[in-house]
Structures are given as C-alpha cells and as structure tokens.
Protein backbone atom coordinates (compact mmCIF):
# COMPACT_ATOMS: atom_id res chain seq x y z
CA MET A 1 119.99 112.25 138.95
CA ALA A 2 117.89 110.55 141.59
CA THR A 3 118.02 106.79 141.79
CA ASN A 4 114.67 106.14 143.46
CA GLN A 5 112.72 103.83 141.22
CA ILE A 6 109.44 102.01 141.28
CA GLN A 7 108.62 98.92 139.26
CA LEU A 8 105.06 97.85 138.51
CA LYS A 9 103.90 94.75 136.73
CA GLY A 10 101.05 95.30 134.33
CA VAL A 11 99.10 93.52 131.63
CA LEU A 12 99.10 94.49 127.96
CA ILE A 13 95.54 95.20 126.83
CA GLN A 14 94.06 96.24 123.53
CA GLY A 15 93.48 99.96 123.23
CA HIS A 16 91.46 101.89 120.69
CA GLN A 17 94.26 101.32 118.13
CA VAL A 18 94.15 104.97 117.09
CA ALA A 19 97.82 105.51 117.96
CA SER A 20 98.83 102.80 115.48
CA GLY A 21 96.04 103.52 112.98
CA LYS A 22 94.96 99.88 113.03
CA GLY A 23 91.57 100.51 114.65
CA VAL A 24 88.54 100.13 112.39
CA GLN A 25 87.11 103.41 113.74
CA SER A 26 90.43 105.30 113.54
CA PRO A 27 90.23 108.55 111.60
CA TYR A 28 94.04 108.37 111.16
CA PRO A 29 94.99 105.41 108.92
CA ALA A 30 98.70 106.17 109.45
CA GLY A 31 98.15 106.44 113.21
CA THR A 32 98.48 109.37 115.57
CA ILE A 33 102.04 108.50 116.61
CA TYR A 34 103.24 108.56 113.00
CA LEU A 35 101.57 111.95 112.53
CA GLN A 36 102.84 113.39 115.83
CA LYS A 37 106.48 112.23 115.71
CA PRO A 38 107.66 115.11 113.46
CA PHE A 39 106.12 117.69 115.81
CA PHE A 40 107.75 116.13 118.86
CA LYS A 41 111.10 115.96 117.05
CA LYS A 42 110.95 119.69 116.24
CA LEU A 43 110.28 120.31 119.93
CA GLY A 44 113.33 118.27 120.98
CA LEU A 45 112.16 114.67 121.44
CA ASP A 46 113.24 112.23 118.74
CA LEU A 47 111.03 109.14 118.80
CA SER A 48 112.12 107.83 115.39
CA ASN A 49 113.49 104.54 116.80
CA LEU A 50 110.17 103.61 118.43
CA PHE A 51 107.19 101.62 117.19
CA GLU A 52 104.41 103.78 115.78
CA GLY A 53 101.78 102.72 118.26
CA THR A 54 101.47 102.48 122.02
CA LEU A 55 101.58 99.64 124.50
CA ASN A 56 98.42 100.01 126.57
CA VAL A 57 99.30 98.62 129.98
CA TRP A 58 96.74 98.02 132.71
CA LEU A 59 98.35 98.69 136.08
CA PRO A 60 97.30 97.42 139.51
CA CYS A 61 96.70 100.93 140.84
CA GLU A 62 93.81 103.37 141.12
CA SER A 63 95.52 106.07 139.06
CA PHE A 64 98.82 107.76 138.34
CA LYS A 65 100.05 111.33 138.10
CA ILE A 66 102.88 112.81 136.10
CA LEU A 67 104.91 114.85 138.61
CA ASN A 68 107.93 116.07 136.68
CA PRO A 69 107.95 114.94 133.04
CA ASP A 70 111.15 114.65 131.05
CA PHE A 71 109.31 116.57 128.32
CA CYS A 72 106.07 118.53 128.30
CA PHE A 73 104.85 120.09 125.08
CA GLU A 74 101.93 122.46 125.49
CA ASN A 75 99.34 123.51 122.93
CA VAL A 76 100.57 121.31 120.09
CA THR A 77 98.59 121.56 116.86
CA TRP A 78 99.47 118.29 115.17
CA ILE A 79 96.43 117.98 112.91
CA GLU A 80 93.91 120.44 111.54
CA GLY A 81 90.35 120.35 112.82
CA PHE A 82 91.15 119.26 116.38
CA ASN A 83 92.02 121.12 119.57
CA GLN A 84 95.59 121.85 120.48
CA GLU A 85 96.88 119.22 122.88
CA THR A 86 99.42 119.05 125.66
CA PHE A 87 101.67 115.99 125.86
CA SER A 88 103.97 114.82 128.64
CA PHE A 89 106.65 112.17 128.32
CA VAL A 90 108.39 110.27 131.11
CA LYS A 91 111.30 107.89 130.54
CA CYS A 92 110.70 104.32 131.56
CA GLN A 93 112.09 100.83 131.17
CA VAL A 94 109.98 98.01 129.81
CA GLU A 95 110.87 94.44 130.72
CA TYR A 96 109.30 91.66 128.71
CA GLN A 97 110.40 88.01 128.75
CA GLY A 98 113.77 88.93 130.25
CA ASN A 99 114.50 91.66 127.68
CA GLN A 100 114.84 95.35 128.55
CA TYR A 101 113.58 98.16 126.32
CA SER A 102 113.91 101.91 126.84
CA GLY A 103 110.61 103.66 126.38
CA TRP A 104 108.48 106.64 127.25
CA VAL A 105 105.18 107.17 128.99
CA TYR A 106 103.05 108.88 126.34
CA TYR A 107 100.55 111.09 128.13
CA PRO A 108 98.18 113.27 126.14
CA HIS A 109 96.72 115.48 128.88
CA PRO A 110 93.03 114.58 129.27
CA GLU A 111 91.98 118.20 129.72
CA THR A 112 93.25 118.95 126.18
CA LYS A 113 92.18 115.67 124.57
CA THR A 114 88.43 116.05 124.53
CA GLN A 115 87.79 113.43 121.82
CA HIS A 116 89.26 110.47 123.70
CA PHE A 117 89.22 109.10 127.24
CA GLN A 118 91.41 106.54 129.01
CA GLN A 119 90.98 104.58 132.22
CA GLN A 120 92.97 106.18 135.03
CA ASN A 121 94.97 103.00 135.62
CA LEU A 122 95.86 102.49 131.96
CA ILE A 123 99.23 103.85 130.91
CA GLU A 124 100.39 104.26 127.31
CA ILE A 125 104.01 103.43 126.54
CA LEU A 126 106.06 104.19 123.45
CA ALA A 127 108.78 101.59 122.98
CA PRO A 128 110.75 99.90 120.21
CA TYR A 129 109.02 97.05 118.42
CA ILE A 130 108.79 94.10 120.83
CA PRO A 131 108.67 90.73 119.06
CA ASN A 132 106.00 88.19 120.00
CA ILE A 133 104.18 90.38 122.54
CA VAL A 134 100.43 89.77 122.63
CA TYR A 135 97.42 91.06 124.55
CA GLY A 136 97.23 89.52 127.99
CA ASP A 137 101.01 89.32 128.42
CA GLU A 138 102.57 90.63 131.62
CA LEU A 139 105.35 93.17 131.49
CA ALA A 140 107.22 95.17 134.10
CA LEU A 141 107.61 98.94 133.89
CA THR A 142 110.26 100.85 135.83
CA PHE A 143 110.02 104.58 136.51
CA GLN A 144 111.91 107.26 138.44
CA THR A 145 109.78 108.15 141.48
CA GLU A 146 110.41 111.87 141.12
CA ARG A 147 108.81 111.77 137.66
CA ILE A 148 105.57 109.85 138.23
CA ALA A 149 103.42 108.73 141.18
CA PHE A 150 101.04 105.79 141.44
CA PHE A 151 98.10 105.65 143.81
CA ALA A 152 96.83 102.46 145.45
CA PRO A 153 93.22 101.38 145.04
CA LYS A 154 90.92 102.87 147.68
C-alpha cells in the first residue's frame, strides 16, 4: 500500500440535508444514507458504524477527482422512481479537535445524479458521529494520493 498522503484543512458547511433527511425540502425523511446503506452492504461496503448523514466540507481547492476509489458501485437502484446512480468511496481520516475518525469520501457521480448538484470544491464525508461539531468548524482530511487528486484554484 502506498504511503503518499495529502492533508487538507476544510470548513464544515451546511448542505442540503438530504443525506440525513433533516432538510425541510428532503423527499427522504429517513435520509438517503439510511436508505442506501443496505445496498452498499450487499455490494461489500459496511457503513453501519457511521452517522447517517454526511459532513459537507468546503475545501480550499478548485475541484477534486476520484482517481482510484476503494469502492465503486455502478448503476445502483436504491429507490424507485429515480435514475440508477454510481457511487465511489475513498477512505479518509478526519481530524477534529485533536481526535481522529476513520471515514469515507461519499461521491455520487454527478453524471448519474441528475436531481442534485454540488460545488466542485465541496466534498461529502461519511464518518462516525462527531460530538460538538458545528457549521463553520475547521477539520483536517487526510487522503491517499493515489486515490484522489485536488486541483488548485486557477
């Protein structure tokens, strides 16, 4: 396993709250992560120990690209009435207030997720529940460089 890593500091921002189901406009009261977890588990990725929502982290970069995901699940039908989606997952470490958490980049491929758009410098992270974290807090994310690339602002 390669040991080349990159660490970026980012800021936790409020997302659409669809992943957690807490958003007023969310069509999924239980949240998309809760609904998707069983499908990912059947495909080989057990996320049962993680919070059922995402950390939306603004990064000081122009964009990022998944190079070699730990998992990529293509054409997943996780709910009736919507297009099949492709999801990639990349292991990462989350550091918040001196504590380390193992997590995953959660990346629904934009070309298969026609109902929802994200900023190109916003990354979604699945992690265990992190006590006391609030919007505006800074956290550090560590990634393997062979898995994901980040591009500087132009």
